[in-house]
Amino acid sequence: MRKAEQARQVAWRDKLLQFAAATDRSVSYACRHFGVSRKTFYKWKARYVAHGAAGLCDRPRAPLRSPRATPADVVRKIFYLRQQYHFGPGKIADYLSDFIRSPWPGRPSTAFSENTG
């Protein structure tokens, strides 16, 4: 989203909050007037109270962390095998299966095995 679009969006959300505060009618009326849900209104209101006008900007949708991500040392090893030895996915999987251990004892690692089902 460009800066101009984001600034317009922040101004619109601020206008909604100001309208709801200035009107002697309910929040539901302001939400219907602006075409947003009350849940969204209260989300923006809480962000505005906590962070001011900066809280009305859209937040990134990307997760802050990925718990199921492949560990960095394994990714480095994959890149190394691919660049130095030109291994394909099958050879890399075979090579790494000797070094990757399952987090559960007694169960084989399925991170690099092919789906045989």
C-alpha atoms as a PDB file:
ATOM      1  CA  MET A   1       0.000   0.000   0.000  1.00  0.00           C
ATOM      2  CA  ARG A   2       1.372   3.393  -0.940  1.00  0.00           C
ATOM      3  CA  LYS A   3       1.871   6.139   1.602  1.00  0.00           C
ATOM      4  CA  ALA A   4      -0.929   8.263   0.168  1.00  0.00           C
ATOM      5  CA  GLU A   5      -3.399   5.370   0.403  1.00  0.00           C
ATOM      6  CA  GLN A   6      -2.302   4.593   3.935  1.00  0.00           C
ATOM      7  CA  ALA A   7      -2.616   8.244   4.990  1.00  0.00           C
ATOM      8  CA  ARG A   8      -6.111   8.398   3.494  1.00  0.00           C
ATOM      9  CA  GLN A   9      -7.079   5.211   5.318  1.00  0.00           C
ATOM     10  CA  VAL A  10      -5.737   6.505   8.644  1.00  0.00           C
ATOM     11  CA  ALA A  11      -7.635   9.776   8.132  1.00  0.00           C
ATOM     12  CA  TRP A  12     -10.837   7.861   7.374  1.00  0.00           C
ATOM     13  CA  ARG A  13     -10.477   5.710  10.494  1.00  0.00           C
ATOM     14  CA  ASP A  14      -9.737   8.802  12.576  1.00  0.00           C
ATOM     15  CA  LYS A  15     -12.832  10.461  11.127  1.00  0.00           C
ATOM     16  CA  LEU A  16     -14.902   7.438  12.189  1.00  0.00           C
ATOM     17  CA  LEU A  17     -13.562   7.610  15.743  1.00  0.00           C
ATOM     18  CA  GLN A  18     -14.170  11.367  15.937  1.00  0.00           C
ATOM     19  CA  PHE A  19     -17.697  10.957  14.550  1.00  0.00           C
ATOM     20  CA  ALA A  20     -18.505   8.280  17.127  1.00  0.00           C
ATOM     21  CA  ALA A  21     -17.150  10.451  19.944  1.00  0.00           C
ATOM     22  CA  ALA A  22     -18.987  13.592  18.793  1.00  0.00           C
ATOM     23  CA  THR A  23     -22.387  12.086  18.097  1.00  0.00           C
ATOM     24  CA  ASP A  24     -24.877  11.622  20.890  1.00  0.00           C
ATOM     25  CA  ARG A  25     -26.122   8.434  19.241  1.00  0.00           C
ATOM     26  CA  SER A  26     -24.725   4.962  19.797  1.00  0.00           C
ATOM     27  CA  VAL A  27     -21.548   3.479  18.400  1.00  0.00           C
ATOM     28  CA  SER A  28     -23.736   1.178  16.304  1.00  0.00           C
ATOM     29  CA  TYR A  29     -25.072   4.230  14.451  1.00  0.00           C
ATOM     30  CA  ALA A  30     -21.552   5.451  13.645  1.00  0.00           C
ATOM     31  CA  CYS A  31     -20.538   1.967  12.500  1.00  0.00           C
ATOM     32  CA  ARG A  32     -23.574   1.670  10.230  1.00  0.00           C
ATOM     33  CA  HIS A  33     -22.908   5.166   8.873  1.00  0.00           C
ATOM     34  CA  PHE A  34     -19.304   4.266   7.984  1.00  0.00           C
ATOM     35  CA  GLY A  35     -20.024   0.678   7.003  1.00  0.00           C
ATOM     36  CA  VAL A  36     -17.830  -1.140   9.516  1.00  0.00           C
ATOM     37  CA  SER A  37     -18.577  -3.682  12.211  1.00  0.00           C
ATOM     38  CA  ARG A  38     -18.555  -2.759  15.886  1.00  0.00           C
ATOM     39  CA  LYS A  39     -15.784  -5.294  16.459  1.00  0.00           C
ATOM     40  CA  THR A  40     -13.608  -3.487  13.929  1.00  0.00           C
ATOM     41  CA  PHE A  41     -14.501  -0.120  15.468  1.00  0.00           C
ATOM     42  CA  TYR A  42     -13.439  -1.249  18.929  1.00  0.00           C
ATOM     43  CA  LYS A  43     -10.237  -2.758  17.536  1.00  0.00           C
ATOM     44  CA  TRP A  44      -9.308   0.596  15.948  1.00  0.00           C
ATOM     45  CA  LYS A  45     -10.363   2.469  19.060  1.00  0.00           C
ATOM     46  CA  ALA A  46      -8.127   0.310  21.273  1.00  0.00           C
ATOM     47  CA  ARG A  47      -5.202   0.782  18.906  1.00  0.00           C
ATOM     48  CA  TYR A  48      -5.818   4.539  18.838  1.00  0.00           C
ATOM     49  CA  VAL A  49      -5.855   4.726  22.630  1.00  0.00           C
ATOM     50  CA  ALA A  50      -2.677   2.642  22.879  1.00  0.00           C
ATOM     51  CA  HIS A  51      -0.640   4.126  20.010  1.00  0.00           C
ATOM     52  CA  GLY A  52      -2.344   7.306  18.849  1.00  0.00           C
ATOM     53  CA  ALA A  53      -2.787   7.942  15.127  1.00  0.00           C
ATOM     54  CA  ALA A  54       0.002   5.475  14.314  1.00  0.00           C
ATOM     55  CA  GLY A  55      -2.173   2.696  15.708  1.00  0.00           C
ATOM     56  CA  LEU A  56      -4.697   3.234  12.911  1.00  0.00           C
ATOM     57  CA  CYS A  57      -2.246   2.051  10.246  1.00  0.00           C
ATOM     58  CA  ASP A  58      -2.597  -1.461   8.885  1.00  0.00           C
ATOM     59  CA  ARG A  59      -0.298  -3.963  10.510  1.00  0.00           C
ATOM     60  CA  PRO A  60       1.769  -6.452   8.509  1.00  0.00           C
ATOM     61  CA  ARG A  61       0.004  -9.750   7.939  1.00  0.00           C
ATOM     62  CA  ALA A  62       3.193 -11.790   8.007  1.00  0.00           C
ATOM     63  CA  PRO A  63       3.603 -13.796  11.202  1.00  0.00           C
ATOM     64  CA  LEU A  64       6.246 -12.642  13.677  1.00  0.00           C
ATOM     65  CA  ARG A  65       7.524 -16.175  14.042  1.00  0.00           C
ATOM     66  CA  SER A  66       7.004 -19.517  12.380  1.00  0.00           C
ATOM     67  CA  PRO A  67       7.223 -22.395  14.850  1.00  0.00           C
ATOM     68  CA  ARG A  68       7.255 -25.092  12.176  1.00  0.00           C
ATOM     69  CA  ALA A  69      10.001 -23.477  10.083  1.00  0.00           C
ATOM     70  CA  THR A  70      12.971 -25.569   9.038  1.00  0.00           C
ATOM     71  CA  PRO A  71      15.917 -24.850  11.377  1.00  0.00           C
ATOM     72  CA  ALA A  72      18.525 -22.441  10.012  1.00  0.00           C
ATOM     73  CA  ASP A  73      21.375 -24.979  10.185  1.00  0.00           C
ATOM     74  CA  VAL A  74      19.381 -27.442   8.065  1.00  0.00           C
ATOM     75  CA  VAL A  75      18.596 -24.733   5.496  1.00  0.00           C
ATOM     76  CA  ARG A  76      22.298 -23.812   5.327  1.00  0.00           C
ATOM     77  CA  LYS A  77      23.169 -27.488   4.803  1.00  0.00           C
ATOM     78  CA  ILE A  78      20.590 -27.784   1.994  1.00  0.00           C
ATOM     79  CA  PHE A  79      21.996 -24.722   0.228  1.00  0.00           C
ATOM     80  CA  TYR A  80      25.527 -26.033   0.658  1.00  0.00           C
ATOM     81  CA  LEU A  81      24.666 -29.441  -0.818  1.00  0.00           C
ATOM     82  CA  ARG A  82      22.768 -27.836  -3.692  1.00  0.00           C
ATOM     83  CA  GLN A  83      25.487 -25.319  -4.597  1.00  0.00           C
ATOM     84  CA  GLN A  84      28.638 -27.385  -3.974  1.00  0.00           C
ATOM     85  CA  TYR A  85      27.527 -30.837  -5.108  1.00  0.00           C
ATOM     86  CA  HIS A  86      24.503 -29.964  -7.293  1.00  0.00           C
ATOM     87  CA  PHE A  87      22.372 -32.497  -5.439  1.00  0.00           C
ATOM     88  CA  GLY A  88      18.700 -32.671  -6.322  1.00  0.00           C
ATOM     89  CA  PRO A  89      15.857 -32.970  -3.820  1.00  0.00           C
ATOM     90  CA  GLY A  90      16.063 -36.771  -3.603  1.00  0.00           C
ATOM     91  CA  LYS A  91      19.776 -36.884  -2.843  1.00  0.00           C
ATOM     92  CA  ILE A  92      19.488 -34.021  -0.383  1.00  0.00           C
ATOM     93  CA  ALA A  93      16.664 -35.853   1.421  1.00  0.00           C
ATOM     94  CA  ASP A  94      18.701 -39.062   1.552  1.00  0.00           C
ATOM     95  CA  TYR A  95      21.788 -37.227   2.777  1.00  0.00           C
ATOM     96  CA  LEU A  96      19.934 -35.273   5.445  1.00  0.00           C
ATOM     97  CA  SER A  97      17.942 -38.275   6.688  1.00  0.00           C
ATOM     98  CA  ASP A  98      21.160 -39.530   8.305  1.00  0.00           C
ATOM     99  CA  PHE A  99      21.662 -36.248  10.186  1.00  0.00           C
ATOM    100  CA  ILE A 100      18.121 -35.145  11.029  1.00  0.00           C
ATOM    101  CA  ARG A 101      16.596 -36.840  14.041  1.00  0.00           C
ATOM    102  CA  SER A 102      12.924 -36.975  14.852  1.00  0.00           C
ATOM    103  CA  PRO A 103      11.844 -34.902  17.867  1.00  0.00           C
ATOM    104  CA  TRP A 104       9.923 -37.966  19.110  1.00  0.00           C
ATOM    105  CA  PRO A 105      12.016 -40.937  20.227  1.00  0.00           C
ATOM    106  CA  GLY A 106      11.361 -44.145  18.367  1.00  0.00           C
ATOM    107  CA  ARG A 107       9.716 -42.485  15.361  1.00  0.00           C
ATOM    108  CA  PRO A 108      11.532 -41.875  12.085  1.00  0.00           C
ATOM    109  CA  SER A 109      11.883 -38.326  10.834  1.00  0.00           C
ATOM    110  CA  THR A 110       9.316 -37.491   8.145  1.00  0.00           C
ATOM    111  CA  ALA A 111      10.680 -34.032   7.371  1.00  0.00           C
ATOM    112  CA  PHE A 112      12.571 -35.186   4.279  1.00  0.00           C
ATOM    113  CA  SER A 113      10.929 -38.468   3.371  1.00  0.00           C
ATOM    114  CA  GLU A 114       8.750 -38.740   0.306  1.00  0.00           C
ATOM    115  CA  ASN A 115       5.045 -39.372   0.602  1.00  0.00           C
ATOM    116  CA  THR A 116       4.585 -43.061  -0.184  1.00  0.00           C
ATOM    117  CA  GLY A 117       0.862 -43.149   0.530  1.00  0.00           C
END
